Amino acid sequence: MARITPDYFVVMIDYGNKGREAVVDPELTRANVVERLRSGEYQNVEFVHHIADGLVEDVTHEMIEAAEQAARESEFAAIRRHREAA
């Protein structure tokens, strides 16, 4: 019988004097984390780790860059829709 290995993201949020919180939800996908970063739901992120096959990968910069790109694309699409409607 094959052993199931977990695959999930850990998002560490820094609340300053109030402490830190690790958001760990095995159902969150890469797209979910990127969207939460893009929307501002996750702020003051200390790091984002991807846990898979017993290994930890720091994907902080990759995820933040993906969120910034998604925000730019969303903003561009809104401008384009506005111009087309005019």
PDB file of N, CA and C in Angstrom:
ATOM      1  N   MET A   1       0.843  -1.185   0.000  1.00  0.00           N
ATOM      2  CA  MET A   1       0.000   0.000   0.000  1.00  0.00           C
ATOM      3  C   MET A   1       0.886   1.246   0.000  1.00  0.00           C
ATOM      4  N   ALA A   2       0.611   2.154  -0.923  1.00  0.00           N
ATOM      5  CA  ALA A   2       1.384   3.394  -1.019  1.00  0.00           C
ATOM      6  C   ALA A   2       1.013   4.331   0.120  1.00  0.00           C
ATOM      7  N   ARG A   3       2.025   4.953   0.652  1.00  0.00           N
ATOM      8  CA  ARG A   3       1.806   5.911   1.734  1.00  0.00           C
ATOM      9  C   ARG A   3       1.480   7.275   1.128  1.00  0.00           C
ATOM     10  N   ILE A   4       0.428   7.896   1.606  1.00  0.00           N
ATOM     11  CA  ILE A   4       0.040   9.215   1.121  1.00  0.00           C
ATOM     12  C   ILE A   4       0.918  10.255   1.807  1.00  0.00           C
ATOM     13  N   THR A   5       1.549  11.100   0.988  1.00  0.00           N
ATOM     14  CA  THR A   5       2.371  12.160   1.556  1.00  0.00           C
ATOM     15  C   THR A   5       1.635  13.483   1.427  1.00  0.00           C
ATOM     16  N   PRO A   6       1.669  14.283   2.465  1.00  0.00           N
ATOM     17  CA  PRO A   6       0.951  15.561   2.432  1.00  0.00           C
ATOM     18  C   PRO A   6       1.590  16.542   1.459  1.00  0.00           C
ATOM     19  N   ASP A   7       0.767  17.413   0.926  1.00  0.00           N
ATOM     20  CA  ASP A   7       1.188  18.470   0.015  1.00  0.00           C
ATOM     21  C   ASP A   7       0.361  19.698   0.394  1.00  0.00           C
ATOM     22  N   TYR A   8       1.001  20.690   1.008  1.00  0.00           N
ATOM     23  CA  TYR A   8       0.256  21.856   1.477  1.00  0.00           C
ATOM     24  C   TYR A   8       1.167  23.066   1.591  1.00  0.00           C
ATOM     25  N   PHE A   9       0.539  24.233   1.809  1.00  0.00           N
ATOM     26  CA  PHE A   9       1.252  25.492   1.965  1.00  0.00           C
ATOM     27  C   PHE A   9       1.125  25.974   3.409  1.00  0.00           C
ATOM     28  N   VAL A  10       2.190  26.608   3.888  1.00  0.00           N
ATOM     29  CA  VAL A  10       2.190  27.261   5.196  1.00  0.00           C
ATOM     30  C   VAL A  10       2.472  28.733   4.942  1.00  0.00           C
ATOM     31  N   VAL A  11       1.545  29.593   5.363  1.00  0.00           N
ATOM     32  CA  VAL A  11       1.713  31.034   5.200  1.00  0.00           C
ATOM     33  C   VAL A  11       1.882  31.625   6.593  1.00  0.00           C
ATOM     34  N   MET A  12       3.051  32.212   6.852  1.00  0.00           N
ATOM     35  CA  MET A  12       3.333  32.816   8.159  1.00  0.00           C
ATOM     36  C   MET A  12       3.061  34.311   8.065  1.00  0.00           C
ATOM     37  N   ILE A  13       2.106  34.762   8.878  1.00  0.00           N
ATOM     38  CA  ILE A  13       1.706  36.171   8.894  1.00  0.00           C
ATOM     39  C   ILE A  13       2.210  36.801  10.190  1.00  0.00           C
ATOM     40  N   ASP A  14       2.834  37.966  10.061  1.00  0.00           N
ATOM     41  CA  ASP A  14       3.397  38.679  11.207  1.00  0.00           C
ATOM     42  C   ASP A  14       2.445  39.798  11.619  1.00  0.00           C
ATOM     43  N   TYR A  15       1.946  39.731  12.854  1.00  0.00           N
ATOM     44  CA  TYR A  15       1.047  40.752  13.389  1.00  0.00           C
ATOM     45  C   TYR A  15       1.778  41.725  14.306  1.00  0.00           C
ATOM     46  N   GLY A  16       3.084  41.800  14.193  1.00  0.00           N
ATOM     47  CA  GLY A  16       3.863  42.718  15.018  1.00  0.00           C
ATOM     48  C   GLY A  16       3.847  42.305  16.472  1.00  0.00           C
ATOM     49  N   ASN A  17       3.484  43.252  17.349  1.00  0.00           N
ATOM     50  CA  ASN A  17       3.464  42.980  18.790  1.00  0.00           C
ATOM     51  C   ASN A  17       2.442  41.915  19.177  1.00  0.00           C
ATOM     52  N   LYS A  18       1.471  41.689  18.323  1.00  0.00           N
ATOM     53  CA  LYS A  18       0.429  40.698  18.612  1.00  0.00           C
ATOM     54  C   LYS A  18       0.880  39.278  18.300  1.00  0.00           C
ATOM     55  N   GLY A  19       2.045  39.130  17.678  1.00  0.00           N
ATOM     56  CA  GLY A  19       2.580  37.803  17.392  1.00  0.00           C
ATOM     57  C   GLY A  19       2.455  37.407  15.935  1.00  0.00           C
ATOM     58  N   ARG A  20       2.612  36.125  15.694  1.00  0.00           N
ATOM     59  CA  ARG A  20       2.556  35.579  14.337  1.00  0.00           C
ATOM     60  C   ARG A  20       1.521  34.471  14.276  1.00  0.00           C
ATOM     61  N   GLU A  21       1.066  34.225  13.052  1.00  0.00           N
ATOM     62  CA  GLU A  21       0.094  33.149  12.840  1.00  0.00           C
ATOM     63  C   GLU A  21       0.519  32.359  11.601  1.00  0.00           C
ATOM     64  N   ALA A  22       0.523  31.048  11.735  1.00  0.00           N
ATOM     65  CA  ALA A  22       0.780  30.184  10.585  1.00  0.00           C
ATOM     66  C   ALA A  22      -0.566  29.687  10.066  1.00  0.00           C
ATOM     67  N   VAL A  23      -0.853  30.001   8.828  1.00  0.00           N
ATOM     68  CA  VAL A  23      -2.081  29.527   8.192  1.00  0.00           C
ATOM     69  C   VAL A  23      -1.713  28.233   7.477  1.00  0.00           C
ATOM     70  N   VAL A  24      -2.319  27.145   7.921  1.00  0.00           N
ATOM     71  CA  VAL A  24      -2.052  25.828   7.343  1.00  0.00           C
ATOM     72  C   VAL A  24      -3.396  25.183   7.039  1.00  0.00           C
ATOM     73  N   ASP A  25      -3.676  25.016   5.765  1.00  0.00           N
ATOM     74  CA  ASP A  25      -4.930  24.400   5.342  1.00  0.00           C
ATOM     75  C   ASP A  25      -4.607  23.473   4.180  1.00  0.00           C
ATOM     76  N   PRO A  26      -4.676  22.170   4.395  1.00  0.00           N
ATOM     77  CA  PRO A  26      -4.318  21.216   3.339  1.00  0.00           C
ATOM     78  C   PRO A  26      -5.145  21.366   2.061  1.00  0.00           C
ATOM     79  N   GLU A  27      -6.273  22.046   2.144  1.00  0.00           N
ATOM     80  CA  GLU A  27      -7.119  22.215   0.961  1.00  0.00           C
ATOM     81  C   GLU A  27      -6.767  23.447   0.137  1.00  0.00           C
ATOM     82  N   LEU A  28      -5.892  24.320   0.668  1.00  0.00           N
ATOM     83  CA  LEU A  28      -5.489  25.508  -0.080  1.00  0.00           C
ATOM     84  C   LEU A  28      -4.543  25.124  -1.204  1.00  0.00           C
ATOM     85  N   THR A  29      -4.858  25.593  -2.393  1.00  0.00           N
ATOM     86  CA  THR A  29      -3.995  25.353  -3.543  1.00  0.00           C
ATOM     87  C   THR A  29      -3.079  26.551  -3.742  1.00  0.00           C
ATOM     88  N   ARG A  30      -2.140  26.403  -4.658  1.00  0.00           N
ATOM     89  CA  ARG A  30      -1.253  27.512  -5.004  1.00  0.00           C
ATOM     90  C   ARG A  30      -2.103  28.701  -5.456  1.00  0.00           C
ATOM     91  N   ALA A  31      -3.105  28.446  -6.296  1.00  0.00           N
ATOM     92  CA  ALA A  31      -3.968  29.515  -6.798  1.00  0.00           C
ATOM     93  C   ALA A  31      -4.705  30.214  -5.658  1.00  0.00           C
ATOM     94  N   ASN A  32      -5.140  29.464  -4.647  1.00  0.00           N
ATOM     95  CA  ASN A  32      -5.822  30.064  -3.498  1.00  0.00           C
ATOM     96  C   ASN A  32      -4.896  31.009  -2.742  1.00  0.00           C
ATOM     97  N   VAL A  33      -3.663  30.573  -2.518  1.00  0.00           N
ATOM     98  CA  VAL A  33      -2.701  31.399  -1.786  1.00  0.00           C
ATOM     99  C   VAL A  33      -2.391  32.663  -2.586  1.00  0.00           C
ATOM    100  N   VAL A  34      -2.168  32.510  -3.889  1.00  0.00           N
ATOM    101  CA  VAL A  34      -1.886  33.677  -4.739  1.00  0.00           C
ATOM    102  C   VAL A  34      -3.056  34.654  -4.690  1.00  0.00           C
ATOM    103  N   GLU A  35      -4.272  34.164  -4.780  1.00  0.00           N
ATOM    104  CA  GLU A  35      -5.450  35.041  -4.748  1.00  0.00           C
ATOM    105  C   GLU A  35      -5.565  35.763  -3.403  1.00  0.00           C
ATOM    106  N   ARG A  36      -5.278  35.075  -2.316  1.00  0.00           N
ATOM    107  CA  ARG A  36      -5.354  35.725  -0.997  1.00  0.00           C
ATOM    108  C   ARG A  36      -4.268  36.784  -0.841  1.00  0.00           C
ATOM    109  N   LEU A  37      -3.117  36.546  -1.436  1.00  0.00           N
ATOM    110  CA  LEU A  37      -2.068  37.564  -1.432  1.00  0.00           C
ATOM    111  C   LEU A  37      -2.496  38.753  -2.292  1.00  0.00           C
ATOM    112  N   ARG A  38      -3.031  38.471  -3.484  1.00  0.00           N
ATOM    113  CA  ARG A  38      -3.448  39.520  -4.409  1.00  0.00           C
ATOM    114  C   ARG A  38      -4.540  40.396  -3.807  1.00  0.00           C
ATOM    115  N   SER A  39      -5.498  39.757  -3.133  1.00  0.00           N
ATOM    116  CA  SER A  39      -6.642  40.494  -2.585  1.00  0.00           C
ATOM    117  C   SER A  39      -6.304  41.275  -1.316  1.00  0.00           C
ATOM    118  N   GLY A  40      -5.159  40.973  -0.715  1.00  0.00           N
ATOM    119  CA  GLY A  40      -4.784  41.641   0.528  1.00  0.00           C
ATOM    120  C   GLY A  40      -5.259  40.903   1.769  1.00  0.00           C
ATOM    121  N   GLU A  41      -5.912  39.766   1.567  1.00  0.00           N
ATOM    122  CA  GLU A  41      -6.347  38.970   2.726  1.00  0.00           C
ATOM    123  C   GLU A  41      -5.137  38.544   3.555  1.00  0.00           C
ATOM    124  N   TYR A  42      -4.047  38.201   2.877  1.00  0.00           N
ATOM    125  CA  TYR A  42      -2.782  37.906   3.559  1.00  0.00           C
ATOM    126  C   TYR A  42      -1.907  39.138   3.438  1.00  0.00           C
ATOM    127  N   GLN A  43      -1.601  39.772   4.578  1.00  0.00           N
ATOM    128  CA  GLN A  43      -0.711  40.924   4.611  1.00  0.00           C
ATOM    129  C   GLN A  43       0.403  40.644   5.596  1.00  0.00           C
ATOM    130  N   ASN A  44       1.494  41.372   5.458  1.00  0.00           N
ATOM    131  CA  ASN A  44       2.655  41.205   6.338  1.00  0.00           C
ATOM    132  C   ASN A  44       3.106  39.746   6.385  1.00  0.00           C
ATOM    133  N   VAL A  45       3.208  39.158   5.209  1.00  0.00           N
ATOM    134  CA  VAL A  45       3.605  37.748   5.113  1.00  0.00           C
ATOM    135  C   VAL A  45       5.101  37.638   5.367  1.00  0.00           C
ATOM    136  N   GLU A  46       5.460  36.814   6.322  1.00  0.00           N
ATOM    137  CA  GLU A  46       6.858  36.564   6.631  1.00  0.00           C
ATOM    138  C   GLU A  46       7.452  35.561   5.660  1.00  0.00           C
ATOM    139  N   PHE A  47       6.700  34.485   5.410  1.00  0.00           N
ATOM    140  CA  PHE A  47       7.139  33.508   4.423  1.00  0.00           C
ATOM    141  C   PHE A  47       5.976  32.628   3.994  1.00  0.00           C
ATOM    142  N   VAL A  48       6.158  31.990   2.844  1.00  0.00           N
ATOM    143  CA  VAL A  48       5.230  30.979   2.355  1.00  0.00           C
ATOM    144  C   VAL A  48       6.082  29.750   2.056  1.00  0.00           C
ATOM    145  N   HIS A  49       5.757  28.653   2.681  1.00  0.00           N
ATOM    146  CA  HIS A  49       6.469  27.398   2.441  1.00  0.00           C
ATOM    147  C   HIS A  49       5.533  26.401   1.785  1.00  0.00           C
ATOM    148  N   HIS A  50       6.078  25.655   0.844  1.00  0.00           N
ATOM    149  CA  HIS A  50       5.336  24.559   0.222  1.00  0.00           C
ATOM    150  C   HIS A  50       5.929  23.273   0.769  1.00  0.00           C
ATOM    151  N   ILE A  51       5.087  22.448   1.367  1.00  0.00           N
ATOM    152  CA  ILE A  51       5.507  21.182   1.947  1.00  0.00           C
ATOM    153  C   ILE A  51       5.014  20.072   1.018  1.00  0.00           C
ATOM    154  N   ALA A  52       5.946  19.268   0.510  1.00  0.00           N
ATOM    155  CA  ALA A  52       5.567  18.165  -0.371  1.00  0.00           C
ATOM    156  C   ALA A  52       6.634  17.080  -0.299  1.00  0.00           C
ATOM    157  N   ASP A  53       6.194  15.861  -0.274  1.00  0.00           N
ATOM    158  CA  ASP A  53       7.107  14.703  -0.239  1.00  0.00           C
ATOM    159  C   ASP A  53       8.117  14.799   0.899  1.00  0.00           C
ATOM    160  N   GLY A  54       7.692  15.379   2.008  1.00  0.00           N
ATOM    161  CA  GLY A  54       8.565  15.483   3.167  1.00  0.00           C
ATOM    162  C   GLY A  54       9.609  16.584   3.051  1.00  0.00           C
ATOM    163  N   LEU A  55       9.525  17.409   2.015  1.00  0.00           N
ATOM    164  CA  LEU A  55      10.483  18.489   1.810  1.00  0.00           C
ATOM    165  C   LEU A  55       9.795  19.831   1.950  1.00  0.00           C
ATOM    166  N   VAL A  56      10.547  20.822   2.398  1.00  0.00           N
ATOM    167  CA  VAL A  56      10.031  22.180   2.556  1.00  0.00           C
ATOM    168  C   VAL A  56      10.717  23.071   1.533  1.00  0.00           C
ATOM    169  N   GLU A  57       9.917  23.800   0.760  1.00  0.00           N
ATOM    170  CA  GLU A  57      10.446  24.726  -0.232  1.00  0.00           C
ATOM    171  C   GLU A  57       9.927  26.125   0.083  1.00  0.00           C
ATOM    172  N   ASP A  58      10.828  27.078   0.175  1.00  0.00           N
ATOM    173  CA  ASP A  58      10.434  28.467   0.396  1.00  0.00           C
ATOM    174  C   ASP A  58       9.983  29.043  -0.944  1.00  0.00           C
ATOM    175  N   VAL A  59       8.693  29.336  -1.068  1.00  0.00           N
ATOM    176  CA  VAL A  59       8.120  29.855  -2.320  1.00  0.00           C
ATOM    177  C   VAL A  59       7.598  31.282  -2.135  1.00  0.00           C
ATOM    178  N   THR A  60       8.096  31.971  -1.121  1.00  0.00           N
ATOM    179  CA  THR A  60       7.616  33.307  -0.789  1.00  0.00           C
ATOM    180  C   THR A  60       7.688  34.253  -1.980  1.00  0.00           C
ATOM    181  N   HIS A  61       8.869  34.410  -2.548  1.00  0.00           N
ATOM    182  CA  HIS A  61       9.042  35.377  -3.638  1.00  0.00           C
ATOM    183  C   HIS A  61       8.227  34.975  -4.864  1.00  0.00           C
ATOM    184  N   GLU A  62       8.212  33.705  -5.167  1.00  0.00           N
ATOM    185  CA  GLU A  62       7.441  33.200  -6.311  1.00  0.00           C
ATOM    186  C   GLU A  62       5.952  33.523  -6.156  1.00  0.00           C
ATOM    187  N   MET A  63       5.419  33.300  -4.964  1.00  0.00           N
ATOM    188  CA  MET A  63       3.994  33.535  -4.722  1.00  0.00           C
ATOM    189  C   MET A  63       3.662  35.025  -4.737  1.00  0.00           C
ATOM    190  N   ILE A  64       4.511  35.846  -4.157  1.00  0.00           N
ATOM    191  CA  ILE A  64       4.279  37.294  -4.145  1.00  0.00           C
ATOM    192  C   ILE A  64       4.350  37.843  -5.573  1.00  0.00           C
ATOM    193  N   GLU A  65       5.324  37.376  -6.346  1.00  0.00           N
ATOM    194  CA  GLU A  65       5.425  37.810  -7.745  1.00  0.00           C
ATOM    195  C   GLU A  65       4.194  37.387  -8.540  1.00  0.00           C
ATOM    196  N   ALA A  66       3.700  36.172  -8.307  1.00  0.00           N
ATOM    197  CA  ALA A  66       2.495  35.702  -9.007  1.00  0.00           C
ATOM    198  C   ALA A  66       1.288  36.560  -8.625  1.00  0.00           C
ATOM    199  N   ALA A  67       1.194  36.942  -7.343  1.00  0.00           N
ATOM    200  CA  ALA A  67       0.088  37.790  -6.884  1.00  0.00           C
ATOM    201  C   ALA A  67       0.175  39.176  -7.503  1.00  0.00           C
ATOM    202  N   GLU A  68       1.388  39.720  -7.593  1.00  0.00           N
ATOM    203  CA  GLU A  68       1.563  41.034  -8.211  1.00  0.00           C
ATOM    204  C   GLU A  68       1.211  40.984  -9.691  1.00  0.00           C
ATOM    205  N   GLN A  69       1.608  39.909 -10.372  1.00  0.00           N
ATOM    206  CA  GLN A  69       1.282  39.752 -11.789  1.00  0.00           C
ATOM    207  C   GLN A  69      -0.229  39.640 -11.974  1.00  0.00           C
ATOM    208  N   ALA A  70      -0.891  38.877 -11.122  1.00  0.00           N
ATOM    209  CA  ALA A  70      -2.354  38.728 -11.196  1.00  0.00           C
ATOM    210  C   ALA A  70      -3.033  40.071 -10.971  1.00  0.00           C
ATOM    211  N   ALA A  71      -2.504  40.876 -10.051  1.00  0.00           N
ATOM    212  CA  ALA A  71      -3.081  42.200  -9.791  1.00  0.00           C
ATOM    213  C   ALA A  71      -2.925  43.096 -11.015  1.00  0.00           C
ATOM    214  N   ARG A  72      -1.750  43.051 -11.656  1.00  0.00           N
ATOM    215  CA  ARG A  72      -1.532  43.862 -12.860  1.00  0.00           C
ATOM    216  C   ARG A  72      -2.476  43.426 -13.977  1.00  0.00           C
ATOM    217  N   GLU A  73      -2.630  42.115 -14.150  1.00  0.00           N
ATOM    218  CA  GLU A  73      -3.512  41.604 -15.194  1.00  0.00           C
ATOM    219  C   GLU A  73      -4.964  41.989 -14.923  1.00  0.00           C
ATOM    220  N   SER A  74      -5.371  41.932 -13.669  1.00  0.00           N
ATOM    221  CA  SER A  74      -6.727  42.301 -13.290  1.00  0.00           C
ATOM    222  C   SER A  74      -6.970  43.790 -13.547  1.00  0.00           C
ATOM    223  N   GLU A  75      -6.003  44.605 -13.197  1.00  0.00           N
ATOM    224  CA  GLU A  75      -6.108  46.052 -13.407  1.00  0.00           C
ATOM    225  C   GLU A  75      -6.157  46.360 -14.906  1.00  0.00           C
ATOM    226  N   PHE A  76      -5.313  45.703 -15.691  1.00  0.00           N
ATOM    227  CA  PHE A  76      -5.298  45.909 -17.133  1.00  0.00           C
ATOM    228  C   PHE A  76      -6.634  45.505 -17.741  1.00  0.00           C
ATOM    229  N   ALA A  77      -7.190  44.384 -17.315  1.00  0.00           N
ATOM    230  CA  ALA A  77      -8.481  43.914 -17.842  1.00  0.00           C
ATOM    231  C   ALA A  77      -9.588  44.910 -17.509  1.00  0.00           C
ATOM    232  N   ALA A  78      -9.551  45.492 -16.318  1.00  0.00           N
ATOM    233  CA  ALA A  78     -10.567  46.471 -15.924  1.00  0.00           C
ATOM    234  C   ALA A  78     -10.470  47.728 -16.784  1.00  0.00           C
ATOM    235  N   ILE A  79      -9.257  48.175 -17.039  1.00  0.00           N
ATOM    236  CA  ILE A  79      -9.058  49.358 -17.885  1.00  0.00           C
ATOM    237  C   ILE A  79      -9.553  49.069 -19.300  1.00  0.00           C
ATOM    238  N   ARG A  80      -9.224  47.903 -19.791  1.00  0.00           N
ATOM    239  CA  ARG A  80      -9.647  47.531 -21.144  1.00  0.00           C
ATOM    240  C   ARG A  80     -11.164  47.460 -21.262  1.00  0.00           C
ATOM    241  N   ARG A  81     -11.814  46.866 -20.262  1.00  0.00           N
ATOM    242  CA  ARG A  81     -13.281  46.794 -20.272  1.00  0.00           C
ATOM    243  C   ARG A  81     -13.887  48.195 -20.250  1.00  0.00           C
ATOM    244  N   HIS A  82     -13.296  49.078 -19.455  1.00  0.00           N
ATOM    245  CA  HIS A  82     -13.786  50.449 -19.351  1.00  0.00           C
ATOM    246  C   HIS A  82     -13.672  51.163 -20.707  1.00  0.00           C
ATOM    247  N   ARG A  83     -12.534  50.987 -21.368  1.00  0.00           N
ATOM    248  CA  ARG A  83     -12.322  51.642 -22.673  1.00  0.00           C
ATOM    249  C   ARG A  83     -13.263  51.076 -23.728  1.00  0.00           C
ATOM    250  N   GLU A  84     -13.500  49.777 -23.689  1.00  0.00           N
ATOM    251  CA  GLU A  84     -14.393  49.158 -24.666  1.00  0.00           C
ATOM    252  C   GLU A  84     -15.841  49.599 -24.459  1.00  0.00           C
ATOM    253  N   ALA A  85     -16.204  49.883 -23.212  1.00  0.00           N
ATOM    254  CA  ALA A  85     -17.577  50.306 -22.903  1.00  0.00           C
ATOM    255  C   ALA A  85     -17.805  51.758 -23.308  1.00  0.00           C
ATOM    256  N   ALA A  86     -16.743  52.532 -23.371  1.00  0.00           N
ATOM    257  CA  ALA A  86     -16.873  53.969 -23.695  1.00  0.00           C
ATOM    258  C   ALA A  86     -17.118  54.226 -25.162  1.00  0.00           C
TER     259      ALA A  86
END
